N, C-alpha and C. Protein backbone atom coordinates (compact mmCIF):
# COMPACT_ATOMS: atom_id res chain seq x y z
N MET A 1 8.29 46.20 35.77
CA MET A 1 8.13 47.11 34.65
C MET A 1 6.68 47.55 34.60
N ALA A 2 6.47 48.81 34.38
CA ALA A 2 5.12 49.37 34.32
C ALA A 2 4.42 48.87 33.06
N ALA A 3 3.08 48.91 33.10
CA ALA A 3 2.30 48.43 31.97
C ALA A 3 2.64 49.18 30.69
N SER A 4 2.87 50.48 30.78
CA SER A 4 3.20 51.25 29.58
C SER A 4 4.57 50.84 29.02
N GLY A 5 5.50 50.49 29.90
CA GLY A 5 6.80 50.02 29.46
C GLY A 5 6.72 48.69 28.75
N ARG A 6 5.87 47.80 29.28
CA ARG A 6 5.67 46.50 28.63
C ARG A 6 5.05 46.68 27.25
N LYS A 7 4.07 47.59 27.18
CA LYS A 7 3.42 47.82 25.89
C LYS A 7 4.43 48.33 24.87
N GLY A 8 5.33 49.20 25.31
CA GLY A 8 6.37 49.70 24.40
C GLY A 8 7.27 48.60 23.89
N VAL A 9 7.66 47.69 24.78
CA VAL A 9 8.51 46.57 24.40
C VAL A 9 7.75 45.65 23.45
N LEU A 10 6.50 45.35 23.75
CA LEU A 10 5.71 44.48 22.89
C LEU A 10 5.50 45.10 21.51
N ASN A 11 5.23 46.40 21.48
CA ASN A 11 5.09 47.08 20.19
C ASN A 11 6.38 46.99 19.39
N LYS A 12 7.51 47.21 20.07
CA LYS A 12 8.80 47.14 19.37
C LYS A 12 9.05 45.74 18.83
N LEU A 13 8.72 44.72 19.60
CA LEU A 13 8.98 43.34 19.17
C LEU A 13 8.03 42.85 18.10
N PHE A 14 6.75 43.26 18.18
CA PHE A 14 5.74 42.64 17.33
C PHE A 14 5.06 43.56 16.31
N LEU A 15 5.03 44.85 16.54
CA LEU A 15 4.20 45.70 15.70
C LEU A 15 4.95 46.78 14.92
N ASP A 16 6.00 47.34 15.49
CA ASP A 16 6.66 48.47 14.85
C ASP A 16 7.12 48.15 13.43
N HIS A 17 7.82 47.05 13.25
CA HIS A 17 8.33 46.71 11.92
C HIS A 17 7.21 46.44 10.92
N PRO A 18 6.23 45.56 11.23
CA PRO A 18 5.14 45.37 10.25
C PRO A 18 4.41 46.67 9.93
N HIS A 19 4.14 47.48 10.94
CA HIS A 19 3.43 48.74 10.70
C HIS A 19 4.26 49.69 9.84
N SER A 20 5.59 49.66 9.98
CA SER A 20 6.44 50.53 9.16
C SER A 20 6.36 50.16 7.69
N LEU A 21 5.92 48.94 7.41
CA LEU A 21 5.75 48.47 6.03
C LEU A 21 4.29 48.57 5.58
N GLY A 22 3.44 49.12 6.44
CA GLY A 22 2.03 49.24 6.10
C GLY A 22 1.29 47.92 6.21
N MET A 23 1.77 47.02 7.08
CA MET A 23 1.20 45.68 7.20
C MET A 23 0.76 45.42 8.64
N SER A 24 -0.13 44.47 8.79
CA SER A 24 -0.49 43.99 10.12
C SER A 24 0.53 42.93 10.54
N TRP A 25 0.49 42.56 11.81
CA TRP A 25 1.38 41.51 12.30
C TRP A 25 1.12 40.21 11.53
N GLY A 26 -0.15 39.87 11.32
CA GLY A 26 -0.50 38.62 10.65
C GLY A 26 -0.07 38.60 9.19
N SER A 27 -0.32 39.70 8.46
CA SER A 27 0.06 39.70 7.04
C SER A 27 1.58 39.69 6.89
N HIS A 28 2.28 40.38 7.78
CA HIS A 28 3.73 40.35 7.75
C HIS A 28 4.23 38.93 8.03
N GLY A 29 3.65 38.29 9.03
CA GLY A 29 4.06 36.93 9.38
C GLY A 29 3.82 35.96 8.24
N ALA A 30 2.66 36.07 7.59
CA ALA A 30 2.35 35.18 6.46
C ALA A 30 3.36 35.39 5.34
N GLY A 31 3.67 36.65 5.05
CA GLY A 31 4.65 36.93 4.00
C GLY A 31 6.04 36.43 4.35
N ALA A 32 6.42 36.61 5.60
CA ALA A 32 7.75 36.15 6.04
C ALA A 32 7.85 34.63 5.98
N LEU A 33 6.76 33.95 6.35
CA LEU A 33 6.76 32.49 6.24
C LEU A 33 6.89 32.05 4.78
N LYS A 34 6.17 32.72 3.89
CA LYS A 34 6.24 32.39 2.47
C LYS A 34 7.67 32.56 1.96
N VAL A 35 8.29 33.69 2.29
CA VAL A 35 9.68 33.94 1.87
C VAL A 35 10.60 32.88 2.47
N GLY A 36 10.41 32.58 3.74
CA GLY A 36 11.26 31.59 4.39
C GLY A 36 11.19 30.22 3.72
N PHE A 37 9.98 29.78 3.40
CA PHE A 37 9.83 28.48 2.74
C PHE A 37 10.40 28.51 1.31
N GLN A 38 10.25 29.65 0.62
CA GLN A 38 10.85 29.76 -0.72
C GLN A 38 12.37 29.64 -0.63
N LEU A 39 12.95 30.28 0.38
CA LEU A 39 14.41 30.22 0.52
C LEU A 39 14.88 28.84 0.95
N ILE A 40 14.11 28.16 1.79
CA ILE A 40 14.46 26.78 2.15
C ILE A 40 14.45 25.90 0.90
N GLY A 41 13.41 26.07 0.07
CA GLY A 41 13.33 25.31 -1.18
C GLY A 41 14.51 25.62 -2.09
N ALA A 42 14.87 26.90 -2.18
CA ALA A 42 16.02 27.29 -3.00
C ALA A 42 17.30 26.66 -2.47
N GLY A 43 17.43 26.62 -1.15
CA GLY A 43 18.61 26.00 -0.55
C GLY A 43 18.68 24.51 -0.85
N CYS A 44 17.55 23.85 -0.78
CA CYS A 44 17.51 22.41 -1.11
C CYS A 44 17.88 22.19 -2.58
N ALA A 45 17.35 23.05 -3.46
CA ALA A 45 17.68 22.95 -4.89
C ALA A 45 19.17 23.16 -5.10
N ALA A 46 19.77 24.11 -4.39
CA ALA A 46 21.20 24.37 -4.54
C ALA A 46 22.04 23.19 -4.06
N ILE A 47 21.61 22.55 -2.99
CA ILE A 47 22.34 21.37 -2.49
C ILE A 47 22.26 20.24 -3.50
N ILE A 48 21.07 20.01 -4.05
CA ILE A 48 20.92 18.96 -5.06
C ILE A 48 21.75 19.32 -6.29
N HIS A 49 21.72 20.59 -6.68
CA HIS A 49 22.51 21.04 -7.84
C HIS A 49 24.00 20.81 -7.60
N ALA A 50 24.45 21.00 -6.37
CA ALA A 50 25.87 20.77 -6.06
C ALA A 50 26.25 19.30 -6.29
N LEU A 51 25.32 18.42 -6.00
CA LEU A 51 25.59 16.98 -6.16
C LEU A 51 25.37 16.52 -7.60
N ILE A 52 24.35 17.09 -8.26
CA ILE A 52 24.00 16.70 -9.63
C ILE A 52 23.90 17.99 -10.45
N PRO A 53 25.00 18.46 -11.00
CA PRO A 53 25.02 19.76 -11.66
C PRO A 53 24.03 19.92 -12.82
N GLY A 54 23.54 18.85 -13.36
CA GLY A 54 22.62 18.94 -14.49
C GLY A 54 21.19 19.27 -14.11
N VAL A 55 20.88 19.38 -12.82
CA VAL A 55 19.51 19.71 -12.41
C VAL A 55 19.51 20.98 -11.56
N PHE A 56 18.39 21.68 -11.60
CA PHE A 56 18.19 22.90 -10.80
C PHE A 56 19.29 23.95 -11.05
N GLY A 57 19.71 24.08 -12.29
CA GLY A 57 20.82 24.97 -12.64
C GLY A 57 20.56 26.44 -12.33
N GLU A 58 19.32 26.88 -12.42
CA GLU A 58 19.02 28.29 -12.17
C GLU A 58 17.93 28.47 -11.12
N THR A 59 17.53 27.41 -10.46
CA THR A 59 16.43 27.48 -9.51
C THR A 59 16.73 28.37 -8.33
N ALA A 60 17.83 28.11 -7.65
CA ALA A 60 18.15 28.88 -6.44
C ALA A 60 18.35 30.36 -6.75
N SER A 61 19.11 30.65 -7.79
CA SER A 61 19.36 32.06 -8.11
C SER A 61 18.08 32.77 -8.53
N GLY A 62 17.20 32.07 -9.24
CA GLY A 62 15.93 32.68 -9.63
C GLY A 62 15.06 33.00 -8.43
N VAL A 63 14.98 32.08 -7.47
CA VAL A 63 14.18 32.31 -6.27
C VAL A 63 14.76 33.48 -5.47
N VAL A 64 16.07 33.48 -5.28
CA VAL A 64 16.71 34.54 -4.51
C VAL A 64 16.47 35.90 -5.18
N THR A 65 16.57 35.96 -6.49
CA THR A 65 16.32 37.20 -7.21
C THR A 65 14.89 37.67 -7.01
N ARG A 66 13.92 36.76 -7.15
CA ARG A 66 12.51 37.12 -6.97
C ARG A 66 12.23 37.58 -5.54
N VAL A 67 12.78 36.89 -4.56
CA VAL A 67 12.58 37.27 -3.16
C VAL A 67 13.19 38.65 -2.90
N TYR A 68 14.40 38.87 -3.40
CA TYR A 68 15.05 40.17 -3.23
C TYR A 68 14.20 41.29 -3.84
N GLU A 69 13.72 41.08 -5.06
CA GLU A 69 12.89 42.10 -5.72
C GLU A 69 11.60 42.36 -4.95
N HIS A 70 11.00 41.31 -4.42
CA HIS A 70 9.78 41.46 -3.62
C HIS A 70 10.06 42.31 -2.37
N ILE A 71 11.15 42.01 -1.69
CA ILE A 71 11.49 42.76 -0.48
C ILE A 71 11.78 44.23 -0.82
N GLN A 72 12.48 44.48 -1.91
CA GLN A 72 12.76 45.86 -2.30
C GLN A 72 11.48 46.61 -2.64
N ARG A 73 10.54 45.96 -3.33
CA ARG A 73 9.24 46.60 -3.62
C ARG A 73 8.49 46.89 -2.34
N THR A 74 8.51 45.96 -1.40
CA THR A 74 7.80 46.15 -0.13
C THR A 74 8.38 47.33 0.63
N ARG A 75 9.68 47.46 0.63
CA ARG A 75 10.33 48.57 1.34
C ARG A 75 10.05 49.91 0.69
N SER A 76 9.99 49.94 -0.63
CA SER A 76 9.83 51.23 -1.31
C SER A 76 8.36 51.64 -1.46
N ASN A 77 7.45 50.69 -1.46
CA ASN A 77 6.02 50.98 -1.60
C ASN A 77 5.21 50.15 -0.60
N PRO A 78 5.35 50.45 0.70
CA PRO A 78 4.73 49.60 1.71
C PRO A 78 3.24 49.34 1.50
N ALA A 79 2.48 50.33 1.16
CA ALA A 79 1.04 50.15 1.04
C ALA A 79 0.65 49.38 -0.21
N ASP A 80 1.51 49.36 -1.24
CA ASP A 80 1.19 48.70 -2.50
C ASP A 80 1.42 47.20 -2.48
N ASP A 81 2.20 46.67 -1.54
CA ASP A 81 2.62 45.27 -1.61
C ASP A 81 2.06 44.42 -0.48
N LYS A 82 0.89 44.78 0.00
CA LYS A 82 0.28 44.02 1.10
C LYS A 82 -0.16 42.67 0.63
């Protein structure tokens, strides 16, 4: 594969999506990690809630709602949510 072809593939894999949101690769990665850990925490809370219904009654749904709203804001206003 020619060097220009490799660059195109690398851009598609690593840069196109973050840049479409007005973000760098690093800032996108940091945000994605934050969201991922929030969702893991929400999943753990939901599992505990399944076993002990009296705890974490609204934790998972609250996290999912906040993450969803954050993603929607990022998509609609890429430069504002860096």
